[in-house]
Protein backbone atom coordinates (compact mmCIF):
# COMPACT_ATOMS: atom_id res chain seq x y z
CA MET A 1 -1.46 -24.60 4.35
CA TRP A 2 0.07 -21.21 4.99
CA THR A 3 -1.18 -18.12 6.74
CA THR A 4 -0.93 -14.40 6.10
CA ALA A 5 -1.75 -11.33 8.12
CA ALA A 6 -1.83 -7.62 7.32
CA PRO A 7 1.16 -5.63 8.57
CA SER A 8 0.82 -3.24 11.44
CA GLY A 9 1.08 0.52 10.89
CA ARG A 10 0.77 1.88 7.35
CA ASP A 11 -0.98 -0.53 5.04
CA ASP A 12 1.44 0.11 2.18
CA GLY A 13 4.50 -1.04 4.10
CA LYS A 14 6.41 2.21 3.46
CA ALA A 15 7.65 5.01 5.63
CA PRO A 16 5.69 8.28 5.59
CA GLY A 17 6.61 10.35 2.55
CA ALA A 18 8.07 7.43 0.58
CA PRO A 19 7.17 7.43 -3.12
CA THR A 20 4.43 5.02 -4.08
CA GLY A 21 5.75 4.19 -7.56
CA GLY A 22 4.31 1.52 -9.78
CA ALA A 23 2.39 2.18 -12.95
CA PRO A 24 -1.16 0.82 -13.29
CA GLY A 25 -1.01 -2.78 -14.43
CA GLU A 26 2.71 -3.09 -13.66
CA PRO A 27 3.58 -6.77 -13.09
CA LEU A 28 4.23 -7.29 -9.38
CA VAL A 29 5.17 -10.30 -7.29
CA TRP A 30 5.54 -10.95 -3.59
CA TYR A 31 9.01 -11.91 -2.39
CA ALA A 32 8.86 -13.98 0.81
CA ALA A 33 11.91 -13.47 3.05
CA TYR A 34 12.68 -15.94 5.83
CA GLY A 35 16.36 -15.16 6.56
CA SER A 36 18.25 -11.91 6.97
CA ASN A 37 15.84 -10.11 4.62
CA LEU A 38 13.25 -10.31 7.37
CA HIS A 39 15.09 -7.19 8.57
CA ALA A 40 13.99 -4.18 6.51
CA ALA A 41 17.37 -2.43 6.73
CA ARG A 42 19.17 -5.49 5.40
CA PHE A 43 16.61 -5.90 2.59
CA ALA A 44 17.08 -2.22 1.73
CA CYS A 45 20.72 -2.96 0.81
CA TYR A 46 19.46 -5.17 -2.00
CA LEU A 47 17.12 -2.42 -3.20
CA TYR A 48 19.26 0.71 -2.83
CA GLY A 49 22.78 -0.72 -2.49
CA GLY A 50 24.96 -0.76 0.60
CA ARG A 51 26.56 -3.02 3.18
CA PRO A 52 24.34 -4.57 5.86
CA ASP A 53 25.20 -3.94 9.49
CA GLY A 54 27.54 -6.74 10.59
CA GLY A 55 28.11 -7.89 7.00
CA ALA A 56 31.33 -7.85 4.99
CA ARG A 57 30.08 -7.38 1.42
CA HIS A 58 28.56 -4.39 -0.37
CA CYS A 59 25.37 -4.94 -2.38
CA PRO A 60 25.05 -3.14 -5.73
CA GLY A 61 21.31 -2.64 -5.42
CA CYS A 62 18.45 -2.87 -7.93
CA ARG A 63 18.05 -1.00 -11.19
CA ASP A 64 14.73 0.20 -9.79
CA PRO A 65 15.35 1.41 -6.22
CA ARG A 66 11.74 2.17 -5.33
CA PRO A 67 10.54 0.76 -1.99
CA PRO A 68 8.18 -2.22 -1.82
CA ARG A 69 4.58 -1.39 -2.69
CA ARG A 70 3.26 -3.30 0.30
CA GLU A 71 4.38 -5.74 2.98
CA ALA A 72 2.68 -8.75 4.58
CA VAL A 73 3.44 -11.16 7.40
CA LEU A 74 3.44 -14.86 6.47
CA THR A 75 3.93 -18.22 8.10
CA LEU A 76 4.89 -20.99 5.70
CA PRO A 77 4.91 -24.75 6.28
CA GLY A 78 8.39 -26.23 6.33
CA THR A 79 11.72 -25.88 8.10
CA LEU A 80 14.35 -23.16 8.26
CA TYR A 81 17.89 -24.52 8.51
CA PHE A 82 21.42 -23.11 8.50
CA ALA A 83 24.05 -24.35 6.07
CA GLY A 84 27.15 -23.40 4.09
CA ARG A 85 29.34 -20.40 4.67
CA SER A 86 28.51 -16.83 3.65
CA ARG A 87 31.06 -14.34 2.37
CA THR A 88 28.84 -11.62 3.80
CA TRP A 89 28.29 -13.02 7.29
CA GLY A 90 31.24 -15.38 7.79
CA GLY A 91 29.11 -18.34 8.85
CA ALA A 92 26.06 -20.32 7.85
CA ILE A 93 23.03 -18.75 6.23
CA ALA A 94 19.34 -19.63 6.32
CA PHE A 95 17.56 -21.82 3.79
CA TYR A 96 13.97 -22.99 3.51
CA ASP A 97 12.80 -26.57 2.99
CA PRO A 98 9.05 -26.72 2.32
CA ALA A 99 9.04 -30.54 2.47
CA SER A 100 10.22 -30.77 6.10
CA PRO A 101 7.86 -30.41 9.07
CA GLY A 102 7.46 -27.17 10.96
CA ARG A 103 6.44 -23.55 10.51
CA VAL A 104 8.61 -20.73 9.14
CA PRO A 105 7.83 -17.06 9.91
CA CYS A 106 8.32 -14.87 6.85
CA ARG A 107 7.97 -11.30 5.68
CA ALA A 108 6.70 -10.64 2.18
CA TYR A 109 7.53 -7.58 0.07
CA LEU A 110 5.51 -6.61 -3.01
CA VAL A 111 8.03 -5.69 -5.72
CA THR A 112 8.22 -5.48 -9.50
CA ARG A 113 9.38 -8.50 -11.46
CA GLY A 114 12.49 -6.55 -12.42
CA GLN A 115 13.28 -5.85 -8.77
CA PHE A 116 12.75 -9.51 -7.92
CA GLY A 117 15.19 -10.50 -10.66
CA ASP A 118 17.80 -8.06 -9.36
CA LEU A 119 17.49 -9.13 -5.72
CA ALA A 120 17.62 -12.78 -6.80
CA ALA A 121 20.80 -12.07 -8.77
CA GLN A 122 22.41 -10.51 -5.70
CA GLU A 123 21.43 -13.50 -3.57
CA MET A 124 23.01 -15.75 -6.20
CA HIS A 125 26.20 -13.62 -6.28
CA ARG A 126 25.45 -12.58 -9.84
CA CYS A 127 25.33 -9.07 -11.31
CA PRO A 128 21.85 -7.55 -11.30
CA GLY A 129 20.43 -6.26 -14.54
CA THR A 130 18.54 -9.13 -16.15
CA ASP A 131 14.87 -9.94 -15.67
CA LEU A 132 14.03 -13.52 -14.76
CA ASP A 133 11.63 -15.56 -16.87
CA LEU A 134 9.13 -16.66 -14.23
CA THR A 135 6.95 -18.72 -16.57
CA ARG A 136 8.07 -22.11 -15.28
CA VAL A 137 8.03 -21.37 -11.57
CA LEU A 138 4.60 -19.77 -11.84
CA ALA A 139 3.29 -22.81 -13.75
CA THR A 140 4.94 -25.62 -11.77
CA GLY A 141 5.80 -24.06 -8.42
CA ARG A 142 9.54 -24.71 -8.70
CA GLU A 143 12.45 -23.90 -10.99
CA ARG A 144 16.14 -24.61 -10.55
CA LEU A 145 18.31 -21.91 -12.10
CA GLY A 146 21.63 -23.38 -11.01
CA PRO A 147 23.37 -25.59 -8.43
CA GLY A 148 24.32 -22.87 -5.98
CA ARG A 149 22.72 -21.26 -2.97
CA TYR A 150 19.40 -19.49 -3.52
CA GLU A 151 19.34 -20.64 -7.14
CA THR A 152 16.05 -22.53 -6.75
CA LEU A 153 12.84 -20.52 -7.11
CA LEU A 154 9.67 -21.59 -5.31
CA ARG A 155 6.10 -20.37 -5.69
CA VAL A 156 4.68 -20.77 -2.19
CA GLY A 157 1.24 -19.16 -2.53
CA ALA A 158 -0.53 -15.99 -3.54
CA ILE A 159 -1.73 -12.78 -1.91
CA GLY A 160 -4.41 -10.73 -3.57
CA GLY A 161 -4.05 -12.74 -6.76
CA ARG A 162 -0.30 -12.07 -7.02
CA PRO A 163 2.19 -14.93 -6.65
CA VAL A 164 4.44 -15.30 -3.60
CA LEU A 165 7.97 -16.39 -4.56
CA THR A 166 11.04 -17.24 -2.54
CA LEU A 167 14.57 -18.53 -3.07
CA THR A 168 16.32 -21.48 -1.48
CA SER A 169 18.93 -24.19 -1.98
CA PRO A 170 18.22 -27.05 -4.41
CA THR A 171 19.39 -29.70 -1.93
CA GLY A 172 16.85 -29.24 0.84
CA LEU A 173 17.52 -30.12 4.46
CA ALA A 174 18.35 -33.77 3.73
CA GLY A 175 21.27 -32.87 1.47
CA ALA A 176 22.48 -29.78 3.30
CA ASP A 177 25.97 -29.21 4.69
CA LEU A 178 24.72 -27.93 8.04
CA SER A 179 26.78 -25.36 9.92
CA ALA A 180 26.35 -22.67 12.55
CA PRO A 181 25.39 -19.01 11.93
CA THR A 182 27.41 -16.10 13.33
CA PRO A 183 26.21 -13.71 16.06
CA ALA A 184 25.76 -10.87 13.55
CA TYR A 185 23.56 -13.03 11.34
CA LEU A 186 21.43 -14.18 14.26
CA ARG A 187 20.97 -10.58 15.42
CA THR A 188 19.81 -9.59 11.93
CA LEU A 189 17.27 -12.42 11.79
CA ALA A 190 16.02 -11.60 15.26
CA ALA A 191 15.66 -7.91 14.37
CA GLY A 192 13.53 -8.94 11.42
CA LEU A 193 11.38 -11.23 13.54
CA ALA A 194 10.84 -8.38 16.01
CA GLU A 195 9.87 -5.95 13.23
CA SER A 196 7.54 -8.24 11.34
CA HIS A 197 6.17 -10.76 13.83
CA HIS A 198 6.76 -8.73 17.02
CA TRP A 199 8.70 -11.54 18.64
CA GLY A 200 10.68 -10.79 21.78
CA PRO A 201 14.31 -11.86 22.34
CA TRP A 202 13.50 -15.13 24.08
CA ARG A 203 10.96 -16.27 21.52
CA SER A 204 13.36 -15.46 18.70
CA ALA A 205 16.20 -17.20 20.52
CA GLY A 206 14.07 -20.28 21.10
CA TYR A 207 13.29 -20.47 17.42
CA LEU A 208 16.74 -19.68 15.99
CA ALA A 209 18.81 -21.79 18.38
CA THR A 210 16.77 -24.90 17.65
CA ARG A 211 16.94 -24.76 13.84
CA PRO A 212 19.08 -27.44 12.15
CA GLY A 213 22.63 -26.17 11.88
CA ALA A 214 22.31 -23.90 14.90
CA ALA A 215 21.12 -26.69 17.20
CA GLY A 216 24.09 -28.19 19.01
CA HIS A 217 26.19 -25.08 18.41
CA TRP A 218 23.99 -22.41 19.98
CA ARG A 219 22.03 -22.57 23.23
CA VAL A 220 18.80 -20.64 23.62
CA GLY A 221 20.23 -18.61 26.51
CA ALA A 222 23.33 -17.67 24.53
CA VAL A 223 21.27 -16.42 21.59
CA ALA A 224 18.97 -14.52 23.94
CA ALA A 225 22.02 -12.87 25.49
CA LEU A 226 23.08 -11.68 22.03
CA LEU A 227 19.69 -10.11 21.51
CA THR A 228 19.41 -8.34 24.86
């Protein structure tokens, strides 16, 4: 089971004066973020282009730079873990394993299928510009596009009749090369948790420091100190 709640503030998830966009009947999907894209400013780099605060790489952005049509707050069953090494953040990055026990706070953005394809390409370190064929993942719930990070698509539910999709590693927690995230990455995740789930520094620190990969490398107090 998974849960969803309406976002606080504007019900369209956009800043005042932002263009609504979206033609009637335009195919839309929800993208569920559980890592650094919990933070709206970091996610905006994938939409509009730019370098995230604390990151080392510039994102090219989407062909369609319109803001998300709506946002929603989700909690998915499974485990968030840290693994690998990111060229953007210099340390481990977050992945989602739906088969492991636990609960994972997420933030969902309603985007066009073209935007989803472009943000997925950027997560996969590919050039944006090609729409993804979502037929298989929508039918089966899972599709592996390649062996690398974020190259496995998951359908994790639906909101308002539209599918909720996310990206993760094909290995899962059991096959992961666990490693520790950097301070900048943890700050970005915590900023996203504060924005979307209204978590304070200690709650975020308690969650992040105890995830596989961070546990044993980060103490709750040390992460809380980063956030305060």
